[in-house]
Amino acid sequence: MEAKHWTVQIYITEDGDETHARAVLTTRDTSAVTGRGVARRNPIDRPVPEIGDELAASRALEDLAIRLHDVAADDIVDMAGPVRA
């Protein structure tokens, strides 16, 4: 059995009170799938960059999961029906 290796890279940027994250899944068999997430700090909260990073990254991963599910659903639809010779 061959082991497959999928990679997710998370890119995080900060702009003022906003943190943006982009999660990119790459596999050997498919093109990249990307999810995005944003966290916004309430101005009355203490500035703790790690929390913004965690929230934005988790939201990007959640978006990535939804998009990957959509890719799989599209593949199922494309493969539905009798085998073509």
C-alpha atoms as a PDB file:
ATOM      1  CA  MET A   1       0.000   0.000   0.000  1.00  0.00           C
ATOM      2  CA  GLU A   2       1.300   3.429  -0.926  1.00  0.00           C
ATOM      3  CA  ALA A   3       1.172   6.185   1.669  1.00  0.00           C
ATOM      4  CA  LYS A   4      -0.095   9.523   0.425  1.00  0.00           C
ATOM      5  CA  HIS A   5       1.263  12.824   1.621  1.00  0.00           C
ATOM      6  CA  TRP A   6      -0.946  15.904   1.688  1.00  0.00           C
ATOM      7  CA  THR A   7       0.382  19.233   2.865  1.00  0.00           C
ATOM      8  CA  VAL A   8      -1.471  22.172   4.391  1.00  0.00           C
ATOM      9  CA  GLN A   9       0.387  25.433   4.666  1.00  0.00           C
ATOM     10  CA  ILE A  10      -1.095  28.303   6.653  1.00  0.00           C
ATOM     11  CA  TYR A  11      -0.108  31.857   5.816  1.00  0.00           C
ATOM     12  CA  ILE A  12      -0.944  34.539   8.395  1.00  0.00           C
ATOM     13  CA  THR A  13      -0.824  38.305   7.964  1.00  0.00           C
ATOM     14  CA  GLU A  14      -1.836  41.106  10.304  1.00  0.00           C
ATOM     15  CA  ASP A  15      -3.251  44.479   9.337  1.00  0.00           C
ATOM     16  CA  GLY A  16      -4.123  46.656  12.302  1.00  0.00           C
ATOM     17  CA  ASP A  17      -6.759  44.856  14.377  1.00  0.00           C
ATOM     18  CA  GLU A  18      -7.361  42.235  11.667  1.00  0.00           C
ATOM     19  CA  THR A  19      -5.571  38.940  11.191  1.00  0.00           C
ATOM     20  CA  HIS A  20      -5.953  37.128   7.879  1.00  0.00           C
ATOM     21  CA  ALA A  21      -5.111  33.470   7.322  1.00  0.00           C
ATOM     22  CA  ARG A  22      -4.936  31.404   4.157  1.00  0.00           C
ATOM     23  CA  ALA A  23      -4.783  27.594   4.398  1.00  0.00           C
ATOM     24  CA  VAL A  24      -3.563  25.908   1.209  1.00  0.00           C
ATOM     25  CA  LEU A  25      -3.885  22.142   0.709  1.00  0.00           C
ATOM     26  CA  THR A  26      -1.659  20.578  -1.920  1.00  0.00           C
ATOM     27  CA  THR A  27      -1.720  16.956  -2.998  1.00  0.00           C
ATOM     28  CA  ARG A  28      -0.020  14.990  -5.702  1.00  0.00           C
ATOM     29  CA  ASP A  29      -3.312  14.294  -7.474  1.00  0.00           C
ATOM     30  CA  THR A  30      -5.234  17.580  -7.329  1.00  0.00           C
ATOM     31  CA  SER A  31      -4.670  21.256  -7.735  1.00  0.00           C
ATOM     32  CA  ALA A  32      -4.410  23.324  -4.582  1.00  0.00           C
ATOM     33  CA  VAL A  33      -7.522  23.984  -2.504  1.00  0.00           C
ATOM     34  CA  THR A  34      -7.523  27.192  -0.461  1.00  0.00           C
ATOM     35  CA  GLY A  35      -9.496  28.278   2.588  1.00  0.00           C
ATOM     36  CA  ARG A  36      -9.533  31.739   4.113  1.00  0.00           C
ATOM     37  CA  GLY A  37     -10.236  33.087   7.570  1.00  0.00           C
ATOM     38  CA  VAL A  38     -10.247  36.440   9.334  1.00  0.00           C
ATOM     39  CA  ALA A  39     -10.146  37.473  12.995  1.00  0.00           C
ATOM     40  CA  ARG A  40     -10.874  40.976  14.206  1.00  0.00           C
ATOM     41  CA  ARG A  41      -9.787  42.240  17.608  1.00  0.00           C
ATOM     42  CA  ASN A  42     -12.290  44.281  19.527  1.00  0.00           C
ATOM     43  CA  PRO A  43     -10.576  47.608  20.293  1.00  0.00           C
ATOM     44  CA  ILE A  44     -11.349  47.219  24.014  1.00  0.00           C
ATOM     45  CA  ASP A  45      -9.579  43.829  24.184  1.00  0.00           C
ATOM     46  CA  ARG A  46      -5.893  43.475  25.007  1.00  0.00           C
ATOM     47  CA  PRO A  47      -3.686  42.955  21.925  1.00  0.00           C
ATOM     48  CA  VAL A  48      -2.685  39.275  21.995  1.00  0.00           C
ATOM     49  CA  PRO A  49      -1.506  38.397  18.453  1.00  0.00           C
ATOM     50  CA  GLU A  50      -1.501  34.632  19.134  1.00  0.00           C
ATOM     51  CA  ILE A  51      -5.257  34.650  19.698  1.00  0.00           C
ATOM     52  CA  GLY A  52      -5.878  36.392  16.381  1.00  0.00           C
ATOM     53  CA  ASP A  53      -3.566  33.929  14.663  1.00  0.00           C
ATOM     54  CA  GLU A  54      -5.378  30.960  16.209  1.00  0.00           C
ATOM     55  CA  LEU A  55      -8.837  32.243  15.340  1.00  0.00           C
ATOM     56  CA  ALA A  56      -7.944  33.227  11.774  1.00  0.00           C
ATOM     57  CA  ALA A  57      -6.119  29.929  11.162  1.00  0.00           C
ATOM     58  CA  SER A  58      -8.990  27.856  12.566  1.00  0.00           C
ATOM     59  CA  ARG A  59     -11.457  29.723  10.370  1.00  0.00           C
ATOM     60  CA  ALA A  60      -9.237  29.210   7.321  1.00  0.00           C
ATOM     61  CA  LEU A  61      -9.028  25.479   8.081  1.00  0.00           C
ATOM     62  CA  GLU A  62     -12.806  25.296   8.506  1.00  0.00           C
ATOM     63  CA  ASP A  63     -13.270  27.039   5.148  1.00  0.00           C
ATOM     64  CA  LEU A  64     -10.708  24.684   3.610  1.00  0.00           C
ATOM     65  CA  ALA A  65     -12.640  21.655   4.907  1.00  0.00           C
ATOM     66  CA  ILE A  66     -15.867  22.941   3.357  1.00  0.00           C
ATOM     67  CA  ARG A  67     -14.162  23.614   0.029  1.00  0.00           C
ATOM     68  CA  LEU A  68     -12.498  20.184   0.026  1.00  0.00           C
ATOM     69  CA  HIS A  69     -15.881  18.585   0.713  1.00  0.00           C
ATOM     70  CA  ASP A  70     -17.303  20.517  -2.263  1.00  0.00           C
ATOM     71  CA  VAL A  71     -14.474  19.226  -4.478  1.00  0.00           C
ATOM     72  CA  ALA A  72     -15.243  15.656  -3.394  1.00  0.00           C
ATOM     73  CA  ALA A  73     -18.980  16.157  -4.004  1.00  0.00           C
ATOM     74  CA  ASP A  74     -18.269  17.488  -7.509  1.00  0.00           C
ATOM     75  CA  ASP A  75     -16.036  14.473  -8.184  1.00  0.00           C
ATOM     76  CA  ILE A  76     -18.824  12.125  -7.065  1.00  0.00           C
ATOM     77  CA  VAL A  77     -21.304  13.830  -9.399  1.00  0.00           C
ATOM     78  CA  ASP A  78     -18.814  13.618 -12.267  1.00  0.00           C
ATOM     79  CA  MET A  79     -18.279   9.903 -11.632  1.00  0.00           C
ATOM     80  CA  ALA A  80     -21.968   9.024 -11.104  1.00  0.00           C
ATOM     81  CA  GLY A  81     -23.703   6.793 -13.591  1.00  0.00           C
ATOM     82  CA  PRO A  82     -22.546   3.822 -15.603  1.00  0.00           C
ATOM     83  CA  VAL A  83     -18.921   3.264 -16.451  1.00  0.00           C
ATOM     84  CA  ARG A  84     -18.127   4.613 -19.898  1.00  0.00           C
ATOM     85  CA  ALA A  85     -16.192   2.355 -22.201  1.00  0.00           C
END
